[in-house]
Amino acid sequence: MSIELAVQLWKETRSFIHENHDKKEAAEATATVLMEYFDVADIADAFKFDKNIINSIAEYIDDEELDEIDELFSDDEDY
């Protein structure tokens, strides 16, 4: 599976998850599987649109890169 396909699958399925807590759990499970196949930096780059995925891999991301990603969400309350 390509990371682009994983991104598309996540975009399509996350809209069916309504509770924030459930989205976080789903993101953690997704991130765990993705880390088996892809580099964390590649995951962070591909999923930079989704704060739940980024939070799930945050401990593995370089602090400087994490700061850059956080800036993307600073003005966006509905991620």
PDB file of N, CA and C in Angstrom:
ATOM      1  N   MET A   1       0.849  -1.170   0.000  1.00  0.00           N
ATOM      2  CA  MET A   1       0.000   0.000   0.000  1.00  0.00           C
ATOM      3  C   MET A   1       0.897   1.237   0.000  1.00  0.00           C
ATOM      4  N   SER A   2       0.523   2.218  -0.765  1.00  0.00           N
ATOM      5  CA  SER A   2       1.270   3.472  -0.774  1.00  0.00           C
ATOM      6  C   SER A   2       0.744   4.384   0.320  1.00  0.00           C
ATOM      7  N   ILE A   3       1.562   5.319   0.714  1.00  0.00           N
ATOM      8  CA  ILE A   3       1.122   6.263   1.746  1.00  0.00           C
ATOM      9  C   ILE A   3       0.000   7.149   1.215  1.00  0.00           C
ATOM     10  N   GLU A   4      -0.007   7.388  -0.098  1.00  0.00           N
ATOM     11  CA  GLU A   4      -1.079   8.190  -0.696  1.00  0.00           C
ATOM     12  C   GLU A   4      -2.430   7.469  -0.558  1.00  0.00           C
ATOM     13  N   LEU A   5      -2.406   6.157  -0.737  1.00  0.00           N
ATOM     14  CA  LEU A   5      -3.630   5.378  -0.560  1.00  0.00           C
ATOM     15  C   LEU A   5      -4.073   5.408   0.901  1.00  0.00           C
ATOM     16  N   ALA A   6      -3.133   5.304   1.811  1.00  0.00           N
ATOM     17  CA  ALA A   6      -3.462   5.375   3.238  1.00  0.00           C
ATOM     18  C   ALA A   6      -4.098   6.720   3.584  1.00  0.00           C
ATOM     19  N   VAL A   7      -3.571   7.791   3.004  1.00  0.00           N
ATOM     20  CA  VAL A   7      -4.135   9.131   3.230  1.00  0.00           C
ATOM     21  C   VAL A   7      -5.579   9.173   2.730  1.00  0.00           C
ATOM     22  N   GLN A   8      -5.802   8.682   1.529  1.00  0.00           N
ATOM     23  CA  GLN A   8      -7.152   8.690   0.963  1.00  0.00           C
ATOM     24  C   GLN A   8      -8.120   7.858   1.806  1.00  0.00           C
ATOM     25  N   LEU A   9      -7.684   6.697   2.243  1.00  0.00           N
ATOM     26  CA  LEU A   9      -8.532   5.856   3.096  1.00  0.00           C
ATOM     27  C   LEU A   9      -8.876   6.562   4.397  1.00  0.00           C
ATOM     28  N   TRP A  10      -7.886   7.207   5.002  1.00  0.00           N
ATOM     29  CA  TRP A  10      -8.135   7.924   6.254  1.00  0.00           C
ATOM     30  C   TRP A  10      -9.105   9.081   6.034  1.00  0.00           C
ATOM     31  N   LYS A  11      -8.914   9.837   4.970  1.00  0.00           N
ATOM     32  CA  LYS A  11      -9.816  10.960   4.677  1.00  0.00           C
ATOM     33  C   LYS A  11     -11.252  10.487   4.483  1.00  0.00           C
ATOM     34  N   GLU A  12     -11.412   9.361   3.806  1.00  0.00           N
ATOM     35  CA  GLU A  12     -12.755   8.839   3.537  1.00  0.00           C
ATOM     36  C   GLU A  12     -13.411   8.248   4.780  1.00  0.00           C
ATOM     37  N   THR A  13     -12.659   7.590   5.627  1.00  0.00           N
ATOM     38  CA  THR A  13     -13.262   6.895   6.763  1.00  0.00           C
ATOM     39  C   THR A  13     -13.414   7.762   8.008  1.00  0.00           C
ATOM     40  N   ARG A  14     -12.586   8.772   8.179  1.00  0.00           N
ATOM     41  CA  ARG A  14     -12.672   9.549   9.427  1.00  0.00           C
ATOM     42  C   ARG A  14     -13.984  10.315   9.551  1.00  0.00           C
ATOM     43  N   SER A  15     -14.631  10.609   8.438  1.00  0.00           N
ATOM     44  CA  SER A  15     -15.908  11.324   8.498  1.00  0.00           C
ATOM     45  C   SER A  15     -17.015  10.459   9.115  1.00  0.00           C
ATOM     46  N   PHE A  16     -16.810   9.145   9.148  1.00  0.00           N
ATOM     47  CA  PHE A  16     -17.797   8.245   9.745  1.00  0.00           C
ATOM     48  C   PHE A  16     -17.586   8.073  11.247  1.00  0.00           C
ATOM     49  N   ILE A  17     -16.515   8.639  11.775  1.00  0.00           N
ATOM     50  CA  ILE A  17     -16.216   8.560  13.208  1.00  0.00           C
ATOM     51  C   ILE A  17     -16.641   9.888  13.822  1.00  0.00           C
ATOM     52  N   HIS A  18     -17.666   9.845  14.663  1.00  0.00           N
ATOM     53  CA  HIS A  18     -18.275  11.093  15.127  1.00  0.00           C
ATOM     54  C   HIS A  18     -17.744  11.605  16.461  1.00  0.00           C
ATOM     55  N   GLU A  19     -17.359  10.745  17.334  1.00  0.00           N
ATOM     56  CA  GLU A  19     -16.879  11.166  18.647  1.00  0.00           C
ATOM     57  C   GLU A  19     -15.389  11.485  18.588  1.00  0.00           C
ATOM     58  N   ASN A  20     -14.986  12.604  19.214  1.00  0.00           N
ATOM     59  CA  ASN A  20     -13.571  12.992  19.216  1.00  0.00           C
ATOM     60  C   ASN A  20     -12.685  11.923  19.833  1.00  0.00           C
ATOM     61  N   HIS A  21     -13.153  11.333  20.922  1.00  0.00           N
ATOM     62  CA  HIS A  21     -12.359  10.284  21.581  1.00  0.00           C
ATOM     63  C   HIS A  21     -12.143   9.111  20.623  1.00  0.00           C
ATOM     64  N   ASP A  22     -13.176   8.751  19.895  1.00  0.00           N
ATOM     65  CA  ASP A  22     -13.065   7.646  18.934  1.00  0.00           C
ATOM     66  C   ASP A  22     -12.117   7.999  17.792  1.00  0.00           C
ATOM     67  N   LYS A  23     -12.119   9.258  17.365  1.00  0.00           N
ATOM     68  CA  LYS A  23     -11.200   9.690  16.305  1.00  0.00           C
ATOM     69  C   LYS A  23      -9.754   9.566  16.776  1.00  0.00           C
ATOM     70  N   LYS A  24      -9.512   9.924  18.027  1.00  0.00           N
ATOM     71  CA  LYS A  24      -8.158   9.811  18.572  1.00  0.00           C
ATOM     72  C   LYS A  24      -7.714   8.359  18.620  1.00  0.00           C
ATOM     73  N   GLU A  25      -8.597   7.487  19.067  1.00  0.00           N
ATOM     74  CA  GLU A  25      -8.259   6.063  19.128  1.00  0.00           C
ATOM     75  C   GLU A  25      -8.034   5.489  17.734  1.00  0.00           C
ATOM     76  N   ALA A  26      -8.864   5.877  16.790  1.00  0.00           N
ATOM     77  CA  ALA A  26      -8.708   5.395  15.413  1.00  0.00           C
ATOM     78  C   ALA A  26      -7.407   5.916  14.813  1.00  0.00           C
ATOM     79  N   ALA A  27      -7.071   7.160  15.105  1.00  0.00           N
ATOM     80  CA  ALA A  27      -5.824   7.738  14.605  1.00  0.00           C
ATOM     81  C   ALA A  27      -4.616   7.023  15.197  1.00  0.00           C
ATOM     82  N   GLU A  28      -4.681   6.701  16.471  1.00  0.00           N
ATOM     83  CA  GLU A  28      -3.574   5.975  17.104  1.00  0.00           C
ATOM     84  C   GLU A  28      -3.386   4.600  16.475  1.00  0.00           C
ATOM     85  N   ALA A  29      -4.490   3.906  16.230  1.00  0.00           N
ATOM     86  CA  ALA A  29      -4.403   2.584  15.602  1.00  0.00           C
ATOM     87  C   ALA A  29      -3.857   2.696  14.178  1.00  0.00           C
ATOM     88  N   THR A  30      -4.321   3.695  13.460  1.00  0.00           N
ATOM     89  CA  THR A  30      -3.852   3.913  12.089  1.00  0.00           C
ATOM     90  C   THR A  30      -2.370   4.249  12.079  1.00  0.00           C
ATOM     91  N   ALA A  31      -1.957   5.147  12.966  1.00  0.00           N
ATOM     92  CA  ALA A  31      -0.551   5.549  13.039  1.00  0.00           C
ATOM     93  C   ALA A  31       0.346   4.363  13.383  1.00  0.00           C
ATOM     94  N   THR A  32      -0.119   3.499  14.276  1.00  0.00           N
ATOM     95  CA  THR A  32       0.658   2.318  14.648  1.00  0.00           C
ATOM     96  C   THR A  32       0.914   1.427  13.435  1.00  0.00           C
ATOM     97  N   VAL A  33      -0.114   1.206  12.644  1.00  0.00           N
ATOM     98  CA  VAL A  33       0.044   0.383  11.440  1.00  0.00           C
ATOM     99  C   VAL A  33       0.942   1.093  10.425  1.00  0.00           C
ATOM    100  N   LEU A  34       0.727   2.382  10.228  1.00  0.00           N
ATOM    101  CA  LEU A  34       1.536   3.130   9.260  1.00  0.00           C
ATOM    102  C   LEU A  34       3.019   3.095   9.611  1.00  0.00           C
ATOM    103  N   MET A  35       3.349   3.170  10.907  1.00  0.00           N
ATOM    104  CA  MET A  35       4.749   3.179  11.317  1.00  0.00           C
ATOM    105  C   MET A  35       5.449   1.845  11.048  1.00  0.00           C
ATOM    106  N   GLU A  36       4.677   0.793  10.840  1.00  0.00           N
ATOM    107  CA  GLU A  36       5.272  -0.488  10.478  1.00  0.00           C
ATOM    108  C   GLU A  36       5.782  -0.477   9.036  1.00  0.00           C
ATOM    109  N   TYR A  37       5.216   0.408   8.222  1.00  0.00           N
ATOM    110  CA  TYR A  37       5.522   0.404   6.794  1.00  0.00           C
ATOM    111  C   TYR A  37       6.203   1.665   6.278  1.00  0.00           C
ATOM    112  N   PHE A  38       6.044   2.770   6.990  1.00  0.00           N
ATOM    113  CA  PHE A  38       6.554   4.047   6.504  1.00  0.00           C
ATOM    114  C   PHE A  38       7.378   4.761   7.571  1.00  0.00           C
ATOM    115  N   ASP A  39       8.259   5.609   7.122  1.00  0.00           N
ATOM    116  CA  ASP A  39       9.056   6.455   8.001  1.00  0.00           C
ATOM    117  C   ASP A  39       8.151   7.497   8.650  1.00  0.00           C
ATOM    118  N   VAL A  40       8.413   7.822   9.903  1.00  0.00           N
ATOM    119  CA  VAL A  40       7.577   8.774  10.635  1.00  0.00           C
ATOM    120  C   VAL A  40       7.554  10.138   9.948  1.00  0.00           C
ATOM    121  N   ALA A  41       8.667  10.567   9.402  1.00  0.00           N
ATOM    122  CA  ALA A  41       8.706  11.859   8.701  1.00  0.00           C
ATOM    123  C   ALA A  41       7.787  11.842   7.487  1.00  0.00           C
ATOM    124  N   ASP A  42       7.730  10.714   6.789  1.00  0.00           N
ATOM    125  CA  ASP A  42       6.839  10.597   5.632  1.00  0.00           C
ATOM    126  C   ASP A  42       5.373  10.619   6.066  1.00  0.00           C
ATOM    127  N   ILE A  43       5.083   9.974   7.183  1.00  0.00           N
ATOM    128  CA  ILE A  43       3.719   9.977   7.714  1.00  0.00           C
ATOM    129  C   ILE A  43       3.331  11.398   8.112  1.00  0.00           C
ATOM    130  N   ALA A  44       4.225  12.073   8.815  1.00  0.00           N
ATOM    131  CA  ALA A  44       3.947  13.444   9.245  1.00  0.00           C
ATOM    132  C   ALA A  44       3.693  14.352   8.051  1.00  0.00           C
ATOM    133  N   ASP A  45       4.476  14.195   7.011  1.00  0.00           N
ATOM    134  CA  ASP A  45       4.296  15.028   5.823  1.00  0.00           C
ATOM    135  C   ASP A  45       2.978  14.712   5.118  1.00  0.00           C
ATOM    136  N   ALA A  46       2.672  13.440   4.967  1.00  0.00           N
ATOM    137  CA  ALA A  46       1.465  13.037   4.249  1.00  0.00           C
ATOM    138  C   ALA A  46       0.184  13.351   5.025  1.00  0.00           C
ATOM    139  N   PHE A  47       0.255  13.293   6.357  1.00  0.00           N
ATOM    140  CA  PHE A  47      -0.935  13.483   7.189  1.00  0.00           C
ATOM    141  C   PHE A  47      -0.919  14.818   7.936  1.00  0.00           C
ATOM    142  N   LYS A  48      -0.175  15.782   7.441  1.00  0.00           N
ATOM    143  CA  LYS A  48      -0.079  17.062   8.150  1.00  0.00           C
ATOM    144  C   LYS A  48      -1.418  17.787   8.243  1.00  0.00           C
ATOM    145  N   PHE A  49      -2.408  17.355   7.497  1.00  0.00           N
ATOM    146  CA  PHE A  49      -3.751  17.938   7.536  1.00  0.00           C
ATOM    147  C   PHE A  49      -4.567  17.432   8.728  1.00  0.00           C
ATOM    148  N   ASP A  50      -4.099  16.385   9.414  1.00  0.00           N
ATOM    149  CA  ASP A  50      -4.901  15.755  10.447  1.00  0.00           C
ATOM    150  C   ASP A  50      -4.187  15.767  11.800  1.00  0.00           C
ATOM    151  N   LYS A  51      -4.696  16.565  12.701  1.00  0.00           N
ATOM    152  CA  LYS A  51      -4.077  16.736  14.016  1.00  0.00           C
ATOM    153  C   LYS A  51      -4.078  15.438  14.836  1.00  0.00           C
ATOM    154  N   ASN A  52      -5.096  14.601  14.665  1.00  0.00           N
ATOM    155  CA  ASN A  52      -5.147  13.355  15.438  1.00  0.00           C
ATOM    156  C   ASN A  52      -4.012  12.408  15.061  1.00  0.00           C
ATOM    157  N   ILE A  53      -3.718  12.295  13.785  1.00  0.00           N
ATOM    158  CA  ILE A  53      -2.600  11.450  13.350  1.00  0.00           C
ATOM    159  C   ILE A  53      -1.286  12.057  13.840  1.00  0.00           C
ATOM    160  N   ILE A  54      -1.143  13.360  13.685  1.00  0.00           N
ATOM    161  CA  ILE A  54       0.088  14.036  14.117  1.00  0.00           C
ATOM    162  C   ILE A  54       0.299  13.834  15.620  1.00  0.00           C
ATOM    163  N   ASN A  55      -0.751  13.974  16.406  1.00  0.00           N
ATOM    164  CA  ASN A  55      -0.618  13.743  17.852  1.00  0.00           C
ATOM    165  C   ASN A  55      -0.219  12.306  18.156  1.00  0.00           C
ATOM    166  N   SER A  56      -0.687  11.377  17.349  1.00  0.00           N
ATOM    167  CA  SER A  56      -0.369   9.971  17.570  1.00  0.00           C
ATOM    168  C   SER A  56       1.095   9.648  17.308  1.00  0.00           C
ATOM    169  N   ILE A  57       1.736  10.407  16.417  1.00  0.00           N
ATOM    170  CA  ILE A  57       3.143  10.142  16.100  1.00  0.00           C
ATOM    171  C   ILE A  57       4.070  11.215  16.670  1.00  0.00           C
ATOM    172  N   ALA A  58       3.532  12.122  17.465  1.00  0.00           N
ATOM    173  CA  ALA A  58       4.297  13.275  17.953  1.00  0.00           C
ATOM    174  C   ALA A  58       5.576  12.890  18.688  1.00  0.00           C
ATOM    175  N   GLU A  59       5.540  11.840  19.473  1.00  0.00           N
ATOM    176  CA  GLU A  59       6.737  11.463  20.238  1.00  0.00           C
ATOM    177  C   GLU A  59       7.871  10.973  19.350  1.00  0.00           C
ATOM    178  N   TYR A  60       7.549  10.649  18.109  1.00  0.00           N
ATOM    179  CA  TYR A  60       8.562  10.158  17.172  1.00  0.00           C
ATOM    180  C   TYR A  60       9.047  11.228  16.200  1.00  0.00           C
ATOM    181  N   ILE A  61       8.416  12.412  16.241  1.00  0.00           N
ATOM    182  CA  ILE A  61       8.739  13.487  15.297  1.00  0.00           C
ATOM    183  C   ILE A  61       9.763  14.427  15.924  1.00  0.00           C
ATOM    184  N   ASP A  62      10.666  14.905  15.110  1.00  0.00           N
ATOM    185  CA  ASP A  62      11.638  15.912  15.505  1.00  0.00           C
ATOM    186  C   ASP A  62      10.890  17.145  16.027  1.00  0.00           C
ATOM    187  N   ASP A  63      11.346  17.739  17.140  1.00  0.00           N
ATOM    188  CA  ASP A  63      10.673  18.889  17.753  1.00  0.00           C
ATOM    189  C   ASP A  63      10.493  20.050  16.786  1.00  0.00           C
ATOM    190  N   GLU A  64      11.495  20.308  15.975  1.00  0.00           N
ATOM    191  CA  GLU A  64      11.413  21.417  15.023  1.00  0.00           C
ATOM    192  C   GLU A  64      10.313  21.159  13.989  1.00  0.00           C
ATOM    193  N   GLU A  65      10.246  19.941  13.499  1.00  0.00           N
ATOM    194  CA  GLU A  65       9.213  19.586  12.523  1.00  0.00           C
ATOM    195  C   GLU A  65       7.827  19.639  13.163  1.00  0.00           C
ATOM    196  N   LEU A  66       7.731  19.204  14.409  1.00  0.00           N
ATOM    197  CA  LEU A  66       6.465  19.245  15.127  1.00  0.00           C
ATOM    198  C   LEU A  66       5.999  20.683  15.310  1.00  0.00           C
ATOM    199  N   ASP A  67       6.915  21.595  15.603  1.00  0.00           N
ATOM    200  CA  ASP A  67       6.558  23.011  15.727  1.00  0.00           C
ATOM    201  C   ASP A  67       6.000  23.559  14.420  1.00  0.00           C
ATOM    202  N   GLU A  68       6.597  23.181  13.303  1.00  0.00           N
ATOM    203  CA  GLU A  68       6.112  23.626  12.003  1.00  0.00           C
ATOM    204  C   GLU A  68       4.705  23.120  11.736  1.00  0.00           C
ATOM    205  N   ILE A  69       4.465  21.866  12.083  1.00  0.00           N
ATOM    206  CA  ILE A  69       3.140  21.286  11.877  1.00  0.00           C
ATOM    207  C   ILE A  69       2.119  21.952  12.790  1.00  0.00           C
ATOM    208  N   ASP A  70       2.499  22.208  14.040  1.00  0.00           N
ATOM    209  CA  ASP A  70       1.593  22.864  14.986  1.00  0.00           C
ATOM    210  C   ASP A  70       1.169  24.239  14.493  1.00  0.00           C
ATOM    211  N   GLU A  71       2.059  24.933  13.795  1.00  0.00           N
ATOM    212  CA  GLU A  71       1.716  26.244  13.249  1.00  0.00           C
ATOM    213  C   GLU A  71       0.574  26.147  12.245  1.00  0.00           C
ATOM    214  N   LEU A  72       0.484  25.049  11.528  1.00  0.00           N
ATOM    215  CA  LEU A  72      -0.592  24.854  10.574  1.00  0.00           C
ATOM    216  C   LEU A  72      -1.944  24.805  11.277  1.00  0.00           C
ATOM    217  N   PHE A  73      -1.964  24.307  12.509  1.00  0.00           N
ATOM    218  CA  PHE A  73      -3.204  24.141  13.235  1.00  0.00           C
ATOM    219  C   PHE A  73      -3.496  25.296  14.191  1.00  0.00           C
ATOM    220  N   SER A  74      -2.606  26.247  14.330  1.00  0.00           N
ATOM    221  CA  SER A  74      -2.783  27.307  15.317  1.00  0.00           C
ATOM    222  C   SER A  74      -4.017  28.153  15.055  1.00  0.00           C
ATOM    223  N   ASP A  75      -4.389  28.326  13.797  1.00  0.00           N
ATOM    224  CA  ASP A  75      -5.564  29.125  13.469  1.00  0.00           C
ATOM    225  C   ASP A  75      -6.782  28.277  13.160  1.00  0.00           C
ATOM    226  N   ASP A  76      -6.613  26.978  13.117  1.00  0.00           N
ATOM    227  CA  ASP A  76      -7.688  26.081  12.712  1.00  0.00           C
ATOM    228  C   ASP A  76      -8.226  25.338  13.928  1.00  0.00           C
ATOM    229  N   GLU A  77      -9.419  25.705  14.358  1.00  0.00           N
ATOM    230  CA  GLU A  77     -10.037  25.069  15.518  1.00  0.00           C
ATOM    231  C   GLU A  77     -10.722  23.757  15.138  1.00  0.00           C
ATOM    232  N   ASP A  78     -11.083  23.591  13.874  1.00  0.00           N
ATOM    233  CA  ASP A  78     -11.848  22.422  13.447  1.00  0.00           C
ATOM    234  C   ASP A  78     -10.979  21.517  12.597  1.00  0.00           C
ATOM    235  N   TYR A  79     -10.021  20.849  13.207  1.00  0.00           N
ATOM    236  CA  TYR A  79      -9.162  19.932  12.485  1.00  0.00           C
ATOM    237  C   TYR A  79      -9.701  18.587  12.703  1.00  0.00           C
TER     238      TYR A  79
END
